[in-house]
C-alpha atoms as a PDB file:
ATOM      1  CA  MET A   1      62.306 -64.679 331.024  1.00  0.00           C
ATOM      2  CA  ARG A   2      64.943 -67.178 332.146  1.00  0.00           C
ATOM      3  CA  ASP A   3      67.796 -65.228 330.536  1.00  0.00           C
ATOM      4  CA  LEU A   4      66.513 -61.996 332.072  1.00  0.00           C
ATOM      5  CA  THR A   5      66.137 -63.405 335.588  1.00  0.00           C
ATOM      6  CA  GLU A   6      69.584 -65.020 335.426  1.00  0.00           C
ATOM      7  CA  ALA A   7      71.125 -61.679 334.453  1.00  0.00           C
ATOM      8  CA  GLN A   8      69.209 -59.860 337.197  1.00  0.00           C
ATOM      9  CA  VAL A   9      70.306 -62.385 339.833  1.00  0.00           C
ATOM     10  CA  ALA A  10      73.916 -62.050 338.641  1.00  0.00           C
ATOM     11  CA  ALA A  11      73.598 -58.268 339.082  1.00  0.00           C
ATOM     12  CA  GLY A  12      72.657 -58.789 342.740  1.00  0.00           C
ATOM     13  CA  HIS A  13      68.903 -58.285 342.592  1.00  0.00           C
ATOM     14  CA  ALA A  14      66.379 -60.386 344.541  1.00  0.00           C
ATOM     15  CA  VAL A  15      64.124 -61.859 341.859  1.00  0.00           C
ATOM     16  CA  GLY A  16      60.946 -63.936 341.897  1.00  0.00           C
ATOM     17  CA  ILE A  17      58.535 -65.310 339.293  1.00  0.00           C
ATOM     18  CA  VAL A  18      54.742 -65.569 339.533  1.00  0.00           C
ATOM     19  CA  CYS A  19      53.215 -67.456 336.609  1.00  0.00           C
ATOM     20  CA  ASP A  20      50.605 -69.924 335.399  1.00  0.00           C
ATOM     21  CA  SER A  21      50.717 -73.541 336.575  1.00  0.00           C
ATOM     22  CA  THR A  22      48.375 -75.099 333.990  1.00  0.00           C
ATOM     23  CA  THR A  23      50.560 -74.721 330.879  1.00  0.00           C
ATOM     24  CA  GLY A  24      53.848 -76.381 330.030  1.00  0.00           C
ATOM     25  CA  GLY A  25      54.981 -79.908 330.741  1.00  0.00           C
ATOM     26  CA  ASP A  26      57.956 -81.913 331.965  1.00  0.00           C
ATOM     27  CA  PHE A  27      60.439 -79.792 330.019  1.00  0.00           C
ATOM     28  CA  GLU A  28      59.188 -76.553 331.568  1.00  0.00           C
ATOM     29  CA  GLU A  29      59.111 -78.154 335.021  1.00  0.00           C
ATOM     30  CA  HIS A  30      62.765 -79.101 334.584  1.00  0.00           C
ATOM     31  CA  LEU A  31      63.661 -75.509 333.691  1.00  0.00           C
ATOM     32  CA  PHE A  32      61.869 -74.173 336.765  1.00  0.00           C
ATOM     33  CA  GLU A  33      63.617 -76.745 338.931  1.00  0.00           C
ATOM     34  CA  GLN A  34      66.993 -75.553 337.635  1.00  0.00           C
ATOM     35  CA  MET A  35      66.166 -71.957 338.574  1.00  0.00           C
ATOM     36  CA  LYS A  36      64.708 -72.494 342.050  1.00  0.00           C
ATOM     37  CA  GLY A  37      67.955 -72.314 343.981  1.00  0.00           C
ATOM     38  CA  THR A  38      68.868 -68.884 342.605  1.00  0.00           C
ATOM     39  CA  MET A  39      65.545 -67.079 343.067  1.00  0.00           C
ATOM     40  CA  ALA A  40      65.543 -65.162 346.361  1.00  0.00           C
ATOM     41  CA  LEU A  41      61.811 -64.399 346.016  1.00  0.00           C
ATOM     42  CA  GLY A  42      61.002 -67.902 344.778  1.00  0.00           C
ATOM     43  CA  ILE A  43      58.942 -69.314 341.921  1.00  0.00           C
ATOM     44  CA  HIS A  44      55.186 -69.222 342.509  1.00  0.00           C
ATOM     45  CA  ARG A  45      52.895 -71.046 340.081  1.00  0.00           C
ATOM     46  CA  THR A  46      49.123 -70.744 340.268  1.00  0.00           C
ATOM     47  CA  PRO A  47      46.347 -71.549 337.747  1.00  0.00           C
ATOM     48  CA  MET A  48      45.761 -68.697 335.276  1.00  0.00           C
ATOM     49  CA  GLN A  49      43.555 -69.102 332.211  1.00  0.00           C
ATOM     50  CA  ARG A  50      44.710 -67.603 328.897  1.00  0.00           C
ATOM     51  CA  HIS A  51      41.383 -65.999 327.994  1.00  0.00           C
ATOM     52  CA  VAL A  52      39.170 -63.713 330.071  1.00  0.00           C
ATOM     53  CA  GLY A  53      36.576 -65.627 332.093  1.00  0.00           C
ATOM     54  CA  PRO A  54      34.989 -66.242 335.526  1.00  0.00           C
ATOM     55  CA  GLY A  55      38.083 -68.133 336.691  1.00  0.00           C
ATOM     56  CA  ASP A  56      40.052 -64.873 336.581  1.00  0.00           C
ATOM     57  CA  LEU A  57      38.556 -63.741 339.888  1.00  0.00           C
ATOM     58  CA  ALA A  58      39.946 -66.679 341.860  1.00  0.00           C
ATOM     59  CA  SER A  59      43.220 -66.526 339.937  1.00  0.00           C
ATOM     60  CA  ALA A  60      43.616 -62.809 340.594  1.00  0.00           C
ATOM     61  CA  TRP A  61      42.924 -63.237 344.305  1.00  0.00           C
ATOM     62  CA  ARG A  62      45.531 -66.009 344.640  1.00  0.00           C
ATOM     63  CA  THR A  63      48.095 -64.056 342.650  1.00  0.00           C
ATOM     64  CA  PHE A  64      47.541 -60.888 344.653  1.00  0.00           C
ATOM     65  CA  GLY A  65      48.058 -62.859 347.865  1.00  0.00           C
ATOM     66  CA  VAL A  66      51.457 -64.072 346.642  1.00  0.00           C
ATOM     67  CA  ILE A  67      52.577 -60.615 345.490  1.00  0.00           C
ATOM     68  CA  LYS A  68      51.352 -58.929 348.680  1.00  0.00           C
ATOM     69  CA  GLU A  69      53.475 -61.313 350.730  1.00  0.00           C
ATOM     70  CA  LEU A  70      56.570 -60.760 348.556  1.00  0.00           C
ATOM     71  CA  ARG A  71      56.287 -56.932 348.734  1.00  0.00           C
ATOM     72  CA  PRO A  72      58.441 -56.261 345.653  1.00  0.00           C
ATOM     73  CA  ASP A  73      59.926 -52.919 344.609  1.00  0.00           C
ATOM     74  CA  VAL A  74      59.204 -53.715 340.945  1.00  0.00           C
ATOM     75  CA  LEU A  75      56.339 -55.583 339.303  1.00  0.00           C
ATOM     76  CA  HIS A  76      57.003 -56.381 335.642  1.00  0.00           C
ATOM     77  CA  GLY A  77      54.028 -57.926 333.823  1.00  0.00           C
ATOM     78  CA  HIS A  78      54.548 -59.824 330.564  1.00  0.00           C
ATOM     79  CA  GLY A  79      51.681 -60.320 328.129  1.00  0.00           C
ATOM     80  CA  ALA A  80      48.148 -58.934 328.386  1.00  0.00           C
ATOM     81  CA  LYS A  81      47.065 -60.770 331.537  1.00  0.00           C
ATOM     82  CA  GLY A  82      50.432 -60.428 333.253  1.00  0.00           C
ATOM     83  CA  GLY A  83      50.325 -56.731 332.438  1.00  0.00           C
ATOM     84  CA  VAL A  84      46.886 -56.317 334.021  1.00  0.00           C
ATOM     85  CA  TYR A  85      47.944 -58.186 337.147  1.00  0.00           C
ATOM     86  CA  ALA A  86      51.202 -56.252 337.584  1.00  0.00           C
ATOM     87  CA  ARG A  87      49.551 -52.870 337.215  1.00  0.00           C
ATOM     88  CA  LEU A  88      46.395 -53.669 339.164  1.00  0.00           C
ATOM     89  CA  PHE A  89      48.167 -55.316 342.100  1.00  0.00           C
ATOM     90  CA  GLY A  90      50.938 -52.732 342.114  1.00  0.00           C
ATOM     91  CA  SER A  91      48.306 -50.012 342.379  1.00  0.00           C
ATOM     92  CA  LEU A  92      46.553 -51.855 345.229  1.00  0.00           C
ATOM     93  CA  LEU A  93      49.856 -52.149 347.087  1.00  0.00           C
ATOM     94  CA  ARG A  94      50.366 -48.411 346.681  1.00  0.00           C
ATOM     95  CA  VAL A  95      47.112 -47.817 348.547  1.00  0.00           C
ATOM     96  CA  SER A  96      48.774 -49.451 351.571  1.00  0.00           C
ATOM     97  CA  ARG A  97      51.773 -47.090 351.158  1.00  0.00           C
ATOM     98  CA  SER A  98      53.978 -49.675 349.471  1.00  0.00           C
ATOM     99  CA  ARG A  99      55.804 -47.915 346.635  1.00  0.00           C
ATOM    100  CA  VAL A 100      55.855 -50.359 343.714  1.00  0.00           C
ATOM    101  CA  ALA A 101      57.077 -49.632 340.172  1.00  0.00           C
ATOM    102  CA  ARG A 102      54.600 -51.022 337.638  1.00  0.00           C
ATOM    103  CA  LEU A 103      55.996 -52.094 334.248  1.00  0.00           C
ATOM    104  CA  TYR A 104      54.300 -53.800 331.334  1.00  0.00           C
ATOM    105  CA  SER A 105      55.721 -55.624 328.298  1.00  0.00           C
ATOM    106  CA  PRO A 106      53.052 -56.335 325.648  1.00  0.00           C
ATOM    107  CA  HIS A 107      53.727 -59.660 323.911  1.00  0.00           C
ATOM    108  CA  GLY A 108      51.200 -60.084 321.123  1.00  0.00           C
ATOM    109  CA  GLY A 109      48.095 -61.088 323.078  1.00  0.00           C
ATOM    110  CA  SER A 110      45.514 -58.325 322.893  1.00  0.00           C
ATOM    111  CA  LEU A 111      47.559 -56.507 320.222  1.00  0.00           C
ATOM    112  CA  HIS A 112      46.656 -59.294 317.761  1.00  0.00           C
ATOM    113  CA  TYR A 113      42.978 -58.263 317.799  1.00  0.00           C
ATOM    114  CA  ASP A 114      41.483 -56.286 314.940  1.00  0.00           C
ATOM    115  CA  GLU A 115      40.814 -52.739 316.131  1.00  0.00           C
ATOM    116  CA  THR A 116      37.647 -52.539 314.001  1.00  0.00           C
ATOM    117  CA  THR A 117      35.891 -55.393 315.872  1.00  0.00           C
ATOM    118  CA  ALA A 118      33.890 -55.023 319.079  1.00  0.00           C
ATOM    119  CA  THR A 119      36.331 -57.297 320.939  1.00  0.00           C
ATOM    120  CA  GLY A 120      39.316 -55.324 319.678  1.00  0.00           C
ATOM    121  CA  LYS A 121      37.757 -51.984 320.605  1.00  0.00           C
ATOM    122  CA  LEU A 122      37.061 -53.294 324.125  1.00  0.00           C
ATOM    123  CA  PHE A 123      40.609 -54.585 324.682  1.00  0.00           C
ATOM    124  CA  PHE A 124      42.230 -51.425 323.329  1.00  0.00           C
ATOM    125  CA  ALA A 125      39.973 -49.247 325.471  1.00  0.00           C
ATOM    126  CA  LEU A 126      41.110 -51.292 328.480  1.00  0.00           C
ATOM    127  CA  GLU A 127      44.747 -50.821 327.421  1.00  0.00           C
ATOM    128  CA  ARG A 128      44.227 -47.046 327.293  1.00  0.00           C
ATOM    129  CA  PHE A 129      42.573 -47.127 330.717  1.00  0.00           C
ATOM    130  CA  MET A 130      45.360 -49.234 332.253  1.00  0.00           C
ATOM    131  CA  ALA A 131      48.015 -46.787 331.012  1.00  0.00           C
ATOM    132  CA  ARG A 132      47.152 -44.497 333.932  1.00  0.00           C
ATOM    133  CA  PHE A 133      48.274 -47.270 336.295  1.00  0.00           C
ATOM    134  CA  THR A 134      51.523 -47.904 334.437  1.00  0.00           C
ATOM    135  CA  ASP A 135      54.933 -46.391 335.184  1.00  0.00           C
ATOM    136  CA  TYR A 136      56.816 -47.733 332.169  1.00  0.00           C
ATOM    137  CA  LEU A 137      56.152 -49.653 328.956  1.00  0.00           C
ATOM    138  CA  LEU A 138      58.800 -51.959 327.486  1.00  0.00           C
ATOM    139  CA  PHE A 139      58.316 -53.207 323.920  1.00  0.00           C
ATOM    140  CA  VAL A 140      60.227 -56.243 322.618  1.00  0.00           C
ATOM    141  CA  SER A 141      60.069 -55.108 318.988  1.00  0.00           C
ATOM    142  CA  ASP A 142      59.465 -51.925 317.035  1.00  0.00           C
ATOM    143  CA  TYR A 143      56.623 -53.770 315.306  1.00  0.00           C
ATOM    144  CA  GLU A 144      54.815 -54.104 318.642  1.00  0.00           C
ATOM    145  CA  ARG A 145      55.525 -50.483 319.546  1.00  0.00           C
ATOM    146  CA  GLN A 146      54.057 -49.264 316.250  1.00  0.00           C
ATOM    147  CA  THR A 147      51.083 -51.647 316.609  1.00  0.00           C
ATOM    148  CA  TYR A 148      50.408 -50.289 320.100  1.00  0.00           C
ATOM    149  CA  ARG A 149      50.532 -46.711 318.805  1.00  0.00           C
ATOM    150  CA  ARG A 150      48.157 -47.531 315.955  1.00  0.00           C
ATOM    151  CA  LYS A 151      45.604 -49.559 317.917  1.00  0.00           C
ATOM    152  CA  VAL A 152      45.835 -48.096 321.434  1.00  0.00           C
ATOM    153  CA  GLY A 153      47.390 -44.685 320.912  1.00  0.00           C
ATOM    154  CA  GLU A 154      50.600 -42.851 321.727  1.00  0.00           C
ATOM    155  CA  PRO A 155      51.688 -44.004 325.215  1.00  0.00           C
ATOM    156  CA  PRO A 156      51.262 -41.163 327.740  1.00  0.00           C
ATOM    157  CA  ILE A 157      54.031 -42.667 329.899  1.00  0.00           C
ATOM    158  CA  PRO A 158      57.741 -43.389 329.481  1.00  0.00           C
ATOM    159  CA  ASN A 159      58.383 -46.286 327.098  1.00  0.00           C
ATOM    160  CA  ASP A 160      61.306 -47.937 325.370  1.00  0.00           C
ATOM    161  CA  LEU A 161      62.241 -50.679 322.919  1.00  0.00           C
ATOM    162  CA  VAL A 162      64.327 -53.457 324.461  1.00  0.00           C
ATOM    163  CA  TYR A 163      65.001 -56.492 322.309  1.00  0.00           C
ATOM    164  CA  ASN A 164      65.052 -59.997 323.752  1.00  0.00           C
ATOM    165  CA  GLY A 165      68.592 -61.170 324.474  1.00  0.00           C
ATOM    166  CA  LEU A 166      70.581 -64.409 324.549  1.00  0.00           C
ATOM    167  CA  SER A 167      73.439 -65.495 326.790  1.00  0.00           C
ATOM    168  CA  ALA A 168      76.964 -65.824 325.380  1.00  0.00           C
ATOM    169  CA  ALA A 169      76.710 -69.638 325.463  1.00  0.00           C
ATOM    170  CA  GLU A 170      73.778 -69.510 323.042  1.00  0.00           C
ATOM    171  CA  PHE A 171      76.013 -67.951 320.386  1.00  0.00           C
ATOM    172  CA  GLU A 172      78.105 -71.115 320.170  1.00  0.00           C
ATOM    173  CA  PRO A 173      77.495 -73.022 316.896  1.00  0.00           C
ATOM    174  CA  VAL A 174      75.412 -76.212 316.970  1.00  0.00           C
ATOM    175  CA  ARG A 175      76.652 -79.070 314.785  1.00  0.00           C
ATOM    176  CA  THR A 176      74.065 -80.995 312.787  1.00  0.00           C
ATOM    177  CA  GLU A 177      74.087 -84.677 313.700  1.00  0.00           C
ATOM    178  CA  GLN A 178      74.710 -87.430 311.159  1.00  0.00           C
ATOM    179  CA  ASN A 179      71.638 -88.728 309.310  1.00  0.00           C
ATOM    180  CA  ALA A 180      69.783 -85.563 310.285  1.00  0.00           C
ATOM    181  CA  ALA A 181      66.445 -84.578 308.791  1.00  0.00           C
ATOM    182  CA  ASP A 182      66.174 -81.881 306.135  1.00  0.00           C
ATOM    183  CA  VAL A 183      63.962 -79.455 308.047  1.00  0.00           C
ATOM    184  CA  LEU A 184      62.911 -78.730 311.627  1.00  0.00           C
ATOM    185  CA  TYR A 185      59.846 -77.064 313.124  1.00  0.00           C
ATOM    186  CA  ILE A 186      60.158 -76.230 316.831  1.00  0.00           C
ATOM    187  CA  GLY A 187      57.464 -74.444 318.804  1.00  0.00           C
ATOM    188  CA  MET A 188      53.899 -74.540 320.044  1.00  0.00           C
ATOM    189  CA  MET A 189      51.541 -76.820 318.166  1.00  0.00           C
ATOM    190  CA  ARG A 190      48.838 -74.272 317.370  1.00  0.00           C
ATOM    191  CA  ASP A 191      47.692 -72.761 314.074  1.00  0.00           C
ATOM    192  CA  LEU A 192      48.963 -69.274 314.980  1.00  0.00           C
ATOM    193  CA  LYS A 193      52.506 -70.697 314.752  1.00  0.00           C
ATOM    194  CA  GLY A 194      51.871 -72.305 311.360  1.00  0.00           C
ATOM    195  CA  PRO A 195      52.544 -76.067 311.787  1.00  0.00           C
ATOM    196  CA  ASP A 196      49.866 -76.746 309.160  1.00  0.00           C
ATOM    197  CA  ILE A 197      51.677 -74.445 306.708  1.00  0.00           C
ATOM    198  CA  PHE A 198      54.904 -76.329 307.400  1.00  0.00           C
ATOM    199  CA  ILE A 199      53.317 -79.726 306.728  1.00  0.00           C
ATOM    200  CA  ASP A 200      51.600 -78.628 303.500  1.00  0.00           C
ATOM    201  CA  ALA A 201      54.890 -77.127 302.260  1.00  0.00           C
ATOM    202  CA  LEU A 202      56.705 -80.437 302.743  1.00  0.00           C
ATOM    203  CA  VAL A 203      54.590 -82.091 300.046  1.00  0.00           C
ATOM    204  CA  LEU A 204      55.143 -79.246 297.584  1.00  0.00           C
ATOM    205  CA  ALA A 205      58.894 -79.040 298.307  1.00  0.00           C
ATOM    206  CA  GLY A 206      59.221 -82.792 297.783  1.00  0.00           C
ATOM    207  CA  THR A 207      57.643 -82.454 294.333  1.00  0.00           C
ATOM    208  CA  ARG A 208      60.036 -79.627 293.416  1.00  0.00           C
ATOM    209  CA  LEU A 209      63.109 -81.555 294.637  1.00  0.00           C
ATOM    210  CA  GLY A 210      62.022 -84.866 293.178  1.00  0.00           C
ATOM    211  CA  ARG A 211      62.419 -86.639 296.527  1.00  0.00           C
ATOM    212  CA  PRO A 212      60.624 -86.741 299.893  1.00  0.00           C
ATOM    213  CA  VAL A 213      61.647 -84.079 302.397  1.00  0.00           C
ATOM    214  CA  LYS A 214      62.536 -85.514 305.817  1.00  0.00           C
ATOM    215  CA  ALA A 215      61.176 -83.436 308.690  1.00  0.00           C
ATOM    216  CA  VAL A 216      61.097 -83.230 312.472  1.00  0.00           C
ATOM    217  CA  MET A 217      58.470 -81.371 314.496  1.00  0.00           C
ATOM    218  CA  VAL A 218      59.326 -80.611 318.130  1.00  0.00           C
ATOM    219  CA  GLY A 219      56.721 -79.251 320.533  1.00  0.00           C
ATOM    220  CA  ASP A 220      53.343 -79.767 322.141  1.00  0.00           C
ATOM    221  CA  GLY A 221      49.940 -78.136 322.199  1.00  0.00           C
ATOM    222  CA  ASP A 222      46.203 -78.687 321.944  1.00  0.00           C
ATOM    223  CA  ASP A 223      46.248 -78.896 318.136  1.00  0.00           C
ATOM    224  CA  LEU A 224      48.924 -81.616 317.947  1.00  0.00           C
ATOM    225  CA  PRO A 225      46.442 -84.464 317.127  1.00  0.00           C
ATOM    226  CA  ARG A 226      45.221 -82.460 314.135  1.00  0.00           C
ATOM    227  CA  TYR A 227      48.758 -82.218 312.745  1.00  0.00           C
ATOM    228  CA  HIS A 228      49.263 -85.954 313.211  1.00  0.00           C
ATOM    229  CA  ALA A 229      46.104 -86.437 311.148  1.00  0.00           C
ATOM    230  CA  GLN A 230      47.298 -83.982 308.493  1.00  0.00           C
ATOM    231  CA  VAL A 231      50.619 -85.849 308.131  1.00  0.00           C
ATOM    232  CA  LYS A 232      48.752 -89.150 307.774  1.00  0.00           C
ATOM    233  CA  ARG A 233      46.296 -87.715 305.236  1.00  0.00           C
ATOM    234  CA  LEU A 234      49.155 -86.394 303.071  1.00  0.00           C
ATOM    235  CA  GLY A 235      51.103 -89.655 303.232  1.00  0.00           C
ATOM    236  CA  LEU A 236      54.086 -88.163 305.070  1.00  0.00           C
ATOM    237  CA  GLU A 237      54.227 -90.622 307.972  1.00  0.00           C
ATOM    238  CA  GLY A 238      57.422 -92.291 306.762  1.00  0.00           C
ATOM    239  CA  HIS A 239      59.218 -88.952 306.450  1.00  0.00           C
ATOM    240  CA  MET A 240      58.095 -87.128 309.596  1.00  0.00           C
ATOM    241  CA  ARG A 241      59.022 -87.462 313.274  1.00  0.00           C
ATOM    242  CA  PHE A 242      57.061 -85.799 316.082  1.00  0.00           C
ATOM    243  CA  LEU A 243      59.081 -85.222 319.270  1.00  0.00           C
ATOM    244  CA  PRO A 244      58.139 -83.684 322.640  1.00  0.00           C
ATOM    245  CA  PRO A 245      59.523 -80.302 323.815  1.00  0.00           C
ATOM    246  CA  MET A 246      63.283 -80.213 324.382  1.00  0.00           C
ATOM    247  CA  PRO A 247      66.013 -77.556 324.703  1.00  0.00           C
ATOM    248  CA  ALA A 248      66.194 -75.594 321.461  1.00  0.00           C
ATOM    249  CA  ARG A 249      69.896 -76.288 320.944  1.00  0.00           C
ATOM    250  CA  ASN A 250      69.264 -80.038 321.187  1.00  0.00           C
ATOM    251  CA  ALA A 251      66.556 -79.720 318.554  1.00  0.00           C
ATOM    252  CA  PHE A 252      68.779 -77.686 316.210  1.00  0.00           C
ATOM    253  CA  ALA A 253      71.104 -80.677 315.813  1.00  0.00           C
ATOM    254  CA  LEU A 254      68.255 -82.747 314.353  1.00  0.00           C
ATOM    255  CA  ALA A 255      68.022 -81.012 310.963  1.00  0.00           C
ATOM    256  CA  GLU A 256      69.927 -78.941 308.419  1.00  0.00           C
ATOM    257  CA  LEU A 257      67.334 -76.175 308.110  1.00  0.00           C
ATOM    258  CA  VAL A 258      64.979 -74.577 310.666  1.00  0.00           C
ATOM    259  CA  VAL A 259      61.590 -73.186 309.634  1.00  0.00           C
ATOM    260  CA  VAL A 260      59.432 -70.666 311.526  1.00  0.00           C
ATOM    261  CA  PRO A 261      56.142 -70.476 309.557  1.00  0.00           C
ATOM    262  CA  SER A 262      54.174 -68.320 312.045  1.00  0.00           C
ATOM    263  CA  ARG A 263      51.097 -66.358 311.052  1.00  0.00           C
ATOM    264  CA  ALA A 264      51.717 -63.828 313.855  1.00  0.00           C
ATOM    265  CA  GLU A 265      54.576 -63.124 316.260  1.00  0.00           C
ATOM    266  CA  ALA A 266      55.995 -60.493 318.576  1.00  0.00           C
ATOM    267  CA  MET A 267      59.771 -61.075 318.829  1.00  0.00           C
ATOM    268  CA  PRO A 268      60.189 -64.875 318.882  1.00  0.00           C
ATOM    269  CA  TYR A 269      63.160 -66.209 320.816  1.00  0.00           C
ATOM    270  CA  VAL A 270      63.434 -69.257 318.578  1.00  0.00           C
ATOM    271  CA  VAL A 271      64.489 -67.080 315.627  1.00  0.00           C
ATOM    272  CA  LEU A 272      67.274 -65.496 317.678  1.00  0.00           C
ATOM    273  CA  GLU A 273      68.326 -68.870 319.090  1.00  0.00           C
ATOM    274  CA  THR A 274      68.466 -70.462 315.648  1.00  0.00           C
ATOM    275  CA  LEU A 275      70.614 -67.751 314.089  1.00  0.00           C
ATOM    276  CA  ALA A 276      72.854 -67.500 317.155  1.00  0.00           C
ATOM    277  CA  ALA A 277      73.509 -71.240 316.875  1.00  0.00           C
ATOM    278  CA  GLY A 278      74.740 -70.743 313.315  1.00  0.00           C
ATOM    279  CA  LYS A 279      71.807 -72.558 311.687  1.00  0.00           C
ATOM    280  CA  SER A 280      70.186 -71.629 308.400  1.00  0.00           C
ATOM    281  CA  MET A 281      66.504 -70.819 308.591  1.00  0.00           C
ATOM    282  CA  ILE A 282      63.400 -69.682 306.771  1.00  0.00           C
ATOM    283  CA  ALA A 283      60.963 -67.442 308.638  1.00  0.00           C
ATOM    284  CA  THR A 284      57.804 -65.515 307.911  1.00  0.00           C
ATOM    285  CA  ALA A 285      57.997 -61.722 307.735  1.00  0.00           C
ATOM    286  CA  VAL A 286      55.567 -61.162 310.617  1.00  0.00           C
ATOM    287  CA  GLY A 287      55.845 -59.211 313.857  1.00  0.00           C
ATOM    288  CA  GLY A 288      59.400 -58.285 314.805  1.00  0.00           C
ATOM    289  CA  ILE A 289      61.091 -61.016 312.740  1.00  0.00           C
ATOM    290  CA  PRO A 290      62.190 -58.625 309.936  1.00  0.00           C
ATOM    291  CA  GLU A 291      63.957 -56.532 312.604  1.00  0.00           C
ATOM    292  CA  ILE A 292      66.227 -59.523 313.261  1.00  0.00           C
ATOM    293  CA  PHE A 293      66.984 -60.403 309.628  1.00  0.00           C
ATOM    294  CA  GLY A 294      66.895 -56.911 308.177  1.00  0.00           C
ATOM    295  CA  ALA A 295      64.262 -55.543 305.830  1.00  0.00           C
ATOM    296  CA  GLY A 296      64.159 -57.295 302.474  1.00  0.00           C
ATOM    297  CA  SER A 297      66.067 -60.399 303.592  1.00  0.00           C
ATOM    298  CA  PRO A 298      65.662 -63.238 301.047  1.00  0.00           C
ATOM    299  CA  ALA A 299      65.160 -65.632 303.980  1.00  0.00           C
ATOM    300  CA  LEU A 300      61.758 -64.077 304.744  1.00  0.00           C
ATOM    301  CA  ILE A 301      58.458 -65.218 303.247  1.00  0.00           C
ATOM    302  CA  ARG A 302      54.717 -64.766 303.721  1.00  0.00           C
ATOM    303  CA  PRO A 303      52.932 -67.458 305.793  1.00  0.00           C
ATOM    304  CA  ASP A 304      52.023 -69.399 302.674  1.00  0.00           C
ATOM    305  CA  PRO A 305      52.771 -73.092 301.884  1.00  0.00           C
ATOM    306  CA  ARG A 306      53.764 -72.387 298.280  1.00  0.00           C
ATOM    307  CA  GLN A 307      56.227 -69.656 299.185  1.00  0.00           C
ATOM    308  CA  LEU A 308      57.658 -71.818 301.939  1.00  0.00           C
ATOM    309  CA  ALA A 309      58.008 -74.792 299.581  1.00  0.00           C
ATOM    310  CA  ASP A 310      59.842 -72.651 297.001  1.00  0.00           C
ATOM    311  CA  LYS A 311      62.268 -71.318 299.612  1.00  0.00           C
ATOM    312  CA  MET A 312      62.690 -74.710 301.255  1.00  0.00           C
ATOM    313  CA  SER A 313      63.532 -76.490 298.000  1.00  0.00           C
ATOM    314  CA  ALA A 314      66.029 -73.757 297.036  1.00  0.00           C
ATOM    315  CA  ALA A 315      67.727 -73.892 300.448  1.00  0.00           C
ATOM    316  CA  LEU A 316      67.986 -77.684 300.424  1.00  0.00           C
ATOM    317  CA  ALA A 317      69.237 -77.764 296.833  1.00  0.00           C
ATOM    318  CA  ASP A 318      72.214 -75.499 297.686  1.00  0.00           C
ATOM    319  CA  PRO A 319      72.705 -75.304 301.495  1.00  0.00           C
ATOM    320  CA  LYS A 320      76.026 -73.445 301.302  1.00  0.00           C
ATOM    321  CA  ALA A 321      74.645 -70.656 299.125  1.00  0.00           C
ATOM    322  CA  TYR A 322      71.568 -70.331 301.325  1.00  0.00           C
ATOM    323  CA  SER A 323      73.610 -70.143 304.557  1.00  0.00           C
ATOM    324  CA  SER A 324      75.389 -67.058 303.169  1.00  0.00           C
ATOM    325  CA  LEU A 325      72.048 -65.197 303.358  1.00  0.00           C
ATOM    326  CA  MET A 326      71.877 -65.407 307.167  1.00  0.00           C
ATOM    327  CA  PRO A 327      72.653 -62.336 309.347  1.00  0.00           C
ATOM    328  CA  ASP A 328      76.171 -61.920 310.728  1.00  0.00           C
ATOM    329  CA  THR A 329      76.497 -63.629 314.121  1.00  0.00           C
ATOM    330  CA  ALA A 330      78.749 -60.939 315.636  1.00  0.00           C
ATOM    331  CA  ASP A 331      76.223 -58.247 314.714  1.00  0.00           C
ATOM    332  CA  LEU A 332      73.413 -60.353 316.242  1.00  0.00           C
ATOM    333  CA  GLU A 333      75.319 -60.708 319.517  1.00  0.00           C
ATOM    334  CA  ALA A 334      75.914 -56.954 319.705  1.00  0.00           C
ATOM    335  CA  ARG A 335      72.192 -56.252 319.236  1.00  0.00           C
ATOM    336  CA  PHE A 336      70.590 -59.210 320.992  1.00  0.00           C
ATOM    337  CA  GLY A 337      72.912 -60.142 323.864  1.00  0.00           C
ATOM    338  CA  ALA A 338      71.339 -60.874 327.260  1.00  0.00           C
ATOM    339  CA  ASP A 339      73.696 -58.361 328.876  1.00  0.00           C
ATOM    340  CA  VAL A 340      72.389 -55.616 326.578  1.00  0.00           C
ATOM    341  CA  MET A 341      68.777 -56.572 327.329  1.00  0.00           C
ATOM    342  CA  ALA A 342      69.262 -56.803 331.114  1.00  0.00           C
ATOM    343  CA  ALA A 343      71.087 -53.467 331.333  1.00  0.00           C
ATOM    344  CA  ALA A 344      68.350 -51.650 329.410  1.00  0.00           C
ATOM    345  CA  ILE A 345      65.589 -53.207 331.530  1.00  0.00           C
ATOM    346  CA  GLU A 346      67.440 -52.401 334.755  1.00  0.00           C
ATOM    347  CA  THR A 347      67.647 -48.757 333.628  1.00  0.00           C
ATOM    348  CA  ALA A 348      63.888 -48.777 333.042  1.00  0.00           C
ATOM    349  CA  TYR A 349      63.268 -50.280 336.500  1.00  0.00           C
ATOM    350  CA  PHE A 350      65.191 -47.522 338.259  1.00  0.00           C
ATOM    351  CA  ALA A 351      63.496 -44.851 336.141  1.00  0.00           C
ATOM    352  CA  ALA A 352      60.082 -46.314 337.062  1.00  0.00           C
ATOM    353  CA  ILE A 353      60.965 -46.456 340.763  1.00  0.00           C
ATOM    354  CA  LYS A 354      61.799 -42.737 340.734  1.00  0.00           C
ATOM    355  CA  ARG A 355      58.454 -41.711 339.162  1.00  0.00           C
END
């Protein structure tokens, strides 16, 4: 979102952000503070709960009040709840003769549900219903586009695939600091992202290598205390550091190898950021990750501790050989540059406005 808004501001557009105020911490607050001076429509944070519940009524009313005052030409909703808000409030504004383009980018969320369950059937029925209030769909990965087609149906509206993009500065290599750890996990501390898989794999990889594997985990989340307990139970306390959220490029300097052990993903920025920074990594073949590496990449595994341990021990035993398996940086920049992303999204905005 930050890369996109920066590119849109640079192109001369008046941009604003409306988002949740209950998630994130000091690091996220610092990022918002950095952006405030450039956002003509401001940054508006209001409590929004992740799951559907009674609190949504008050949240929706507050959010609609903000958007009604801003009177935007384009409303672009990200994620399931953001998508509902953008399309619902855009439609309400149209009733008062305010022509608003309504765009939606699914990011996992409701698409993770099983279509055979009652909950899944309900969410996908709602997605089909909301399509009639949508002017354009933007998918961040082909995986998500195919998942949408399978679970919701063929979109009856214009849609396109636009990959996440990084700024030119993010394609500068990051040097690993002296006395760095062996491996790094960076991300949300929740089971969906696989921190427990990462921790279990450390024990197995240590056995294979014949020495303890030094690790760093960077991030925060509700499940963090459970991972502290898991590290203690497995006797890894002397070889593990937990650190709070920080800029990804700062974290990359802390270890030789980056691991993304997620059980489910859409198109995770951290994978792009890691490869753009010239770091070696291991990632699970879930969501849109194979679209970044290329199908059949030897750097991809299933979200399984044993597979991760095997790959981790091989990568640490011969770092130079493993680094040769990473995608070409120049090719990544051509496919995943922020300028490419912003131009494609701007084209979609103008197409939606004309509908």
